[in-house]
Amino acid sequence: QVQLVESGGGLVQAGGSLRLSCAASGSGFSINVMGWYRQAPGKQRELVAKITGGGSTTYTESVKGRFTISRDNAKNTVYLQMNSLKPEDTAVYYCNALFYGVPHDYWGQGAQVTVSS
């Protein structure tokens, strides 16, 4: 059974930094795309950043230059380094993984990130 386990959320002041991690386990298939999404109260879930197995990255406009996504393929782990955090970054952050040969993707349980002003 596939599991995505997230860690690293918390409370930080504006301008601070946090690093999220997400480790995938339980699948015999290689991971294609890994990404981070977030959902703020009353808003729809949105893509924050994603990274392919080859290292190509995509970021939503509001986090460009502040967030960096990376992955360790040997560990099936994806990271999100978040710098210069703003109150509007406050949300539950979800890890997402799409495996080769599997028709649907998987989600982590979510990590709360709260940025105080």
C-alpha atoms as a PDB file:
ATOM      1  CA  GLN A   1       0.000   0.000   0.000  1.00  0.00           C
ATOM      2  CA  VAL A   2       1.395   3.349  -1.054  1.00  0.00           C
ATOM      3  CA  GLN A   3       1.999   5.890   1.676  1.00  0.00           C
ATOM      4  CA  LEU A   4       3.179   9.480   1.465  1.00  0.00           C
ATOM      5  CA  VAL A   5       4.399  10.733   4.830  1.00  0.00           C
ATOM      6  CA  GLU A   6       4.947  14.451   5.236  1.00  0.00           C
ATOM      7  CA  SER A   7       6.926  16.307   7.862  1.00  0.00           C
ATOM      8  CA  GLY A   8       8.259  19.775   8.561  1.00  0.00           C
ATOM      9  CA  GLY A   9       5.216  22.002   8.887  1.00  0.00           C
ATOM     10  CA  GLY A  10       4.758  24.469  11.715  1.00  0.00           C
ATOM     11  CA  LEU A  11       4.404  28.066  12.804  1.00  0.00           C
ATOM     12  CA  VAL A  12       6.837  30.709  11.637  1.00  0.00           C
ATOM     13  CA  GLN A  13       6.977  34.495  11.524  1.00  0.00           C
ATOM     14  CA  ALA A  14       6.760  36.352   8.251  1.00  0.00           C
ATOM     15  CA  GLY A  15      10.128  36.366   6.533  1.00  0.00           C
ATOM     16  CA  GLY A  16      11.099  33.051   8.062  1.00  0.00           C
ATOM     17  CA  SER A  17      11.772  29.667   6.503  1.00  0.00           C
ATOM     18  CA  LEU A  18      10.449  26.134   6.685  1.00  0.00           C
ATOM     19  CA  ARG A  19      11.343  22.917   4.917  1.00  0.00           C
ATOM     20  CA  LEU A  20       8.761  20.280   4.107  1.00  0.00           C
ATOM     21  CA  SER A  21       9.642  16.662   3.369  1.00  0.00           C
ATOM     22  CA  CYS A  22       7.558  13.873   1.897  1.00  0.00           C
ATOM     23  CA  ALA A  23       8.683  10.254   1.746  1.00  0.00           C
ATOM     24  CA  ALA A  24       6.867   7.745  -0.477  1.00  0.00           C
ATOM     25  CA  SER A  25       6.800   4.047   0.285  1.00  0.00           C
ATOM     26  CA  GLY A  26       4.919   0.869  -0.558  1.00  0.00           C
ATOM     27  CA  SER A  27       5.023   0.857  -4.349  1.00  0.00           C
ATOM     28  CA  GLY A  28       7.147  -1.225  -6.659  1.00  0.00           C
ATOM     29  CA  PHE A  29       6.766   1.389  -9.374  1.00  0.00           C
ATOM     30  CA  SER A  30       9.077   4.311  -9.974  1.00  0.00           C
ATOM     31  CA  ILE A  31       7.773   7.789  -9.289  1.00  0.00           C
ATOM     32  CA  ASN A  32       7.165  10.055 -12.253  1.00  0.00           C
ATOM     33  CA  VAL A  33       6.115  13.447 -10.907  1.00  0.00           C
ATOM     34  CA  MET A  34       6.160  14.590  -7.289  1.00  0.00           C
ATOM     35  CA  GLY A  35       4.650  17.825  -6.168  1.00  0.00           C
ATOM     36  CA  TRP A  36       3.293  20.042  -3.431  1.00  0.00           C
ATOM     37  CA  TYR A  37      -0.175  21.535  -3.329  1.00  0.00           C
ATOM     38  CA  ARG A  38      -1.752  23.760  -0.716  1.00  0.00           C
ATOM     39  CA  GLN A  39      -5.210  24.603   0.464  1.00  0.00           C
ATOM     40  CA  ALA A  40      -6.026  27.663   2.522  1.00  0.00           C
ATOM     41  CA  PRO A  41      -9.309  27.952   4.449  1.00  0.00           C
ATOM     42  CA  GLY A  42     -12.188  28.667   2.099  1.00  0.00           C
ATOM     43  CA  LYS A  43     -10.044  28.253  -0.996  1.00  0.00           C
ATOM     44  CA  GLN A  44      -9.475  25.535  -3.546  1.00  0.00           C
ATOM     45  CA  ARG A  45      -6.400  23.349  -3.470  1.00  0.00           C
ATOM     46  CA  GLU A  46      -3.711  24.764  -5.737  1.00  0.00           C
ATOM     47  CA  LEU A  47      -0.429  23.567  -7.156  1.00  0.00           C
ATOM     48  CA  VAL A  48       2.614  25.085  -5.432  1.00  0.00           C
ATOM     49  CA  ALA A  49       5.430  23.273  -7.216  1.00  0.00           C
ATOM     50  CA  LYS A  50       6.166  19.989  -8.955  1.00  0.00           C
ATOM     51  CA  ILE A  51       9.247  18.152 -10.154  1.00  0.00           C
ATOM     52  CA  THR A  52       9.745  15.349 -12.654  1.00  0.00           C
ATOM     53  CA  GLY A  53      12.081  12.411 -12.295  1.00  0.00           C
ATOM     54  CA  GLY A  54      14.504  14.209 -14.571  1.00  0.00           C
ATOM     55  CA  GLY A  55      14.488  17.294 -12.384  1.00  0.00           C
ATOM     56  CA  SER A  56      12.308  19.654 -14.400  1.00  0.00           C
ATOM     57  CA  THR A  57      10.395  21.984 -12.109  1.00  0.00           C
ATOM     58  CA  THR A  58       7.242  24.062 -12.235  1.00  0.00           C
ATOM     59  CA  TYR A  59       6.212  26.714  -9.720  1.00  0.00           C
ATOM     60  CA  THR A  60       3.111  28.754  -9.223  1.00  0.00           C
ATOM     61  CA  GLU A  61       3.853  32.424  -9.839  1.00  0.00           C
ATOM     62  CA  SER A  62       3.376  33.564  -6.244  1.00  0.00           C
ATOM     63  CA  VAL A  63       6.202  31.385  -4.882  1.00  0.00           C
ATOM     64  CA  LYS A  64       8.797  31.823  -7.618  1.00  0.00           C
ATOM     65  CA  GLY A  65      12.095  32.987  -6.175  1.00  0.00           C
ATOM     66  CA  ARG A  66      11.078  32.052  -2.634  1.00  0.00           C
ATOM     67  CA  PHE A  67      10.334  28.303  -2.732  1.00  0.00           C
ATOM     68  CA  THR A  68      12.535  25.532  -4.072  1.00  0.00           C
ATOM     69  CA  ILE A  69      11.385  21.990  -4.791  1.00  0.00           C
ATOM     70  CA  SER A  70      13.862  19.132  -4.947  1.00  0.00           C
ATOM     71  CA  ARG A  71      13.817  15.362  -4.767  1.00  0.00           C
ATOM     72  CA  ASP A  72      16.004  12.425  -3.842  1.00  0.00           C
ATOM     73  CA  ASN A  73      15.050   9.624  -6.218  1.00  0.00           C
ATOM     74  CA  ALA A  74      17.005   7.024  -4.258  1.00  0.00           C
ATOM     75  CA  LYS A  75      14.911   7.830  -1.180  1.00  0.00           C
ATOM     76  CA  ASN A  76      11.627   8.494  -3.025  1.00  0.00           C
ATOM     77  CA  THR A  77      11.506  11.778  -1.156  1.00  0.00           C
ATOM     78  CA  VAL A  78      10.521  15.260  -2.250  1.00  0.00           C
ATOM     79  CA  TYR A  79      11.358  18.475  -0.405  1.00  0.00           C
ATOM     80  CA  LEU A  80       9.992  21.993  -0.421  1.00  0.00           C
ATOM     81  CA  GLN A  81      12.284  24.698   0.918  1.00  0.00           C
ATOM     82  CA  MET A  82      10.195  27.744   1.710  1.00  0.00           C
ATOM     83  CA  ASN A  83      11.972  31.043   2.309  1.00  0.00           C
ATOM     84  CA  SER A  84      10.708  34.590   2.822  1.00  0.00           C
ATOM     85  CA  LEU A  85       7.388  33.215   3.977  1.00  0.00           C
ATOM     86  CA  LYS A  86       4.353  35.480   3.908  1.00  0.00           C
ATOM     87  CA  PRO A  87       1.065  35.276   5.829  1.00  0.00           C
ATOM     88  CA  GLU A  88      -0.675  34.428   2.555  1.00  0.00           C
ATOM     89  CA  ASP A  89       1.392  31.228   2.397  1.00  0.00           C
ATOM     90  CA  THR A  90      -0.595  29.929   5.367  1.00  0.00           C
ATOM     91  CA  ALA A  91      -2.308  26.704   4.312  1.00  0.00           C
ATOM     92  CA  VAL A  92      -2.308  22.951   4.610  1.00  0.00           C
ATOM     93  CA  TYR A  93       0.391  21.647   2.272  1.00  0.00           C
ATOM     94  CA  TYR A  94      -0.170  18.288   0.587  1.00  0.00           C
ATOM     95  CA  CYS A  95       2.389  16.052  -1.059  1.00  0.00           C
ATOM     96  CA  ASN A  96       1.381  14.392  -4.335  1.00  0.00           C
ATOM     97  CA  ALA A  97       2.992  11.576  -6.311  1.00  0.00           C
ATOM     98  CA  LEU A  98       2.267  10.071  -9.710  1.00  0.00           C
ATOM     99  CA  PHE A  99       3.842   6.695 -10.383  1.00  0.00           C
ATOM    100  CA  TYR A 100       4.784   5.231 -13.762  1.00  0.00           C
ATOM    101  CA  GLY A 101       2.277   2.613 -14.820  1.00  0.00           C
ATOM    102  CA  VAL A 102      -0.332   3.612 -12.213  1.00  0.00           C
ATOM    103  CA  PRO A 103      -3.410   5.443 -13.528  1.00  0.00           C
ATOM    104  CA  HIS A 104      -4.055   7.612 -10.463  1.00  0.00           C
ATOM    105  CA  ASP A 105      -1.978   9.716  -8.130  1.00  0.00           C
ATOM    106  CA  TYR A 106      -1.500   9.599  -4.369  1.00  0.00           C
ATOM    107  CA  TRP A 107      -1.741  12.220  -1.646  1.00  0.00           C
ATOM    108  CA  GLY A 108      -0.120  12.752   1.720  1.00  0.00           C
ATOM    109  CA  GLN A 109      -2.053  13.546   4.869  1.00  0.00           C
ATOM    110  CA  GLY A 110      -1.228  17.240   4.813  1.00  0.00           C
ATOM    111  CA  ALA A 111       1.087  19.476   6.832  1.00  0.00           C
ATOM    112  CA  GLN A 112      -0.079  22.732   8.382  1.00  0.00           C
ATOM    113  CA  VAL A 113       2.043  25.780   7.631  1.00  0.00           C
ATOM    114  CA  THR A 114       1.117  28.948   9.506  1.00  0.00           C
ATOM    115  CA  VAL A 115       2.891  32.237   8.887  1.00  0.00           C
ATOM    116  CA  SER A 116       2.240  34.999  11.407  1.00  0.00           C
ATOM    117  CA  SER A 117       2.546  38.679  10.546  1.00  0.00           C
END
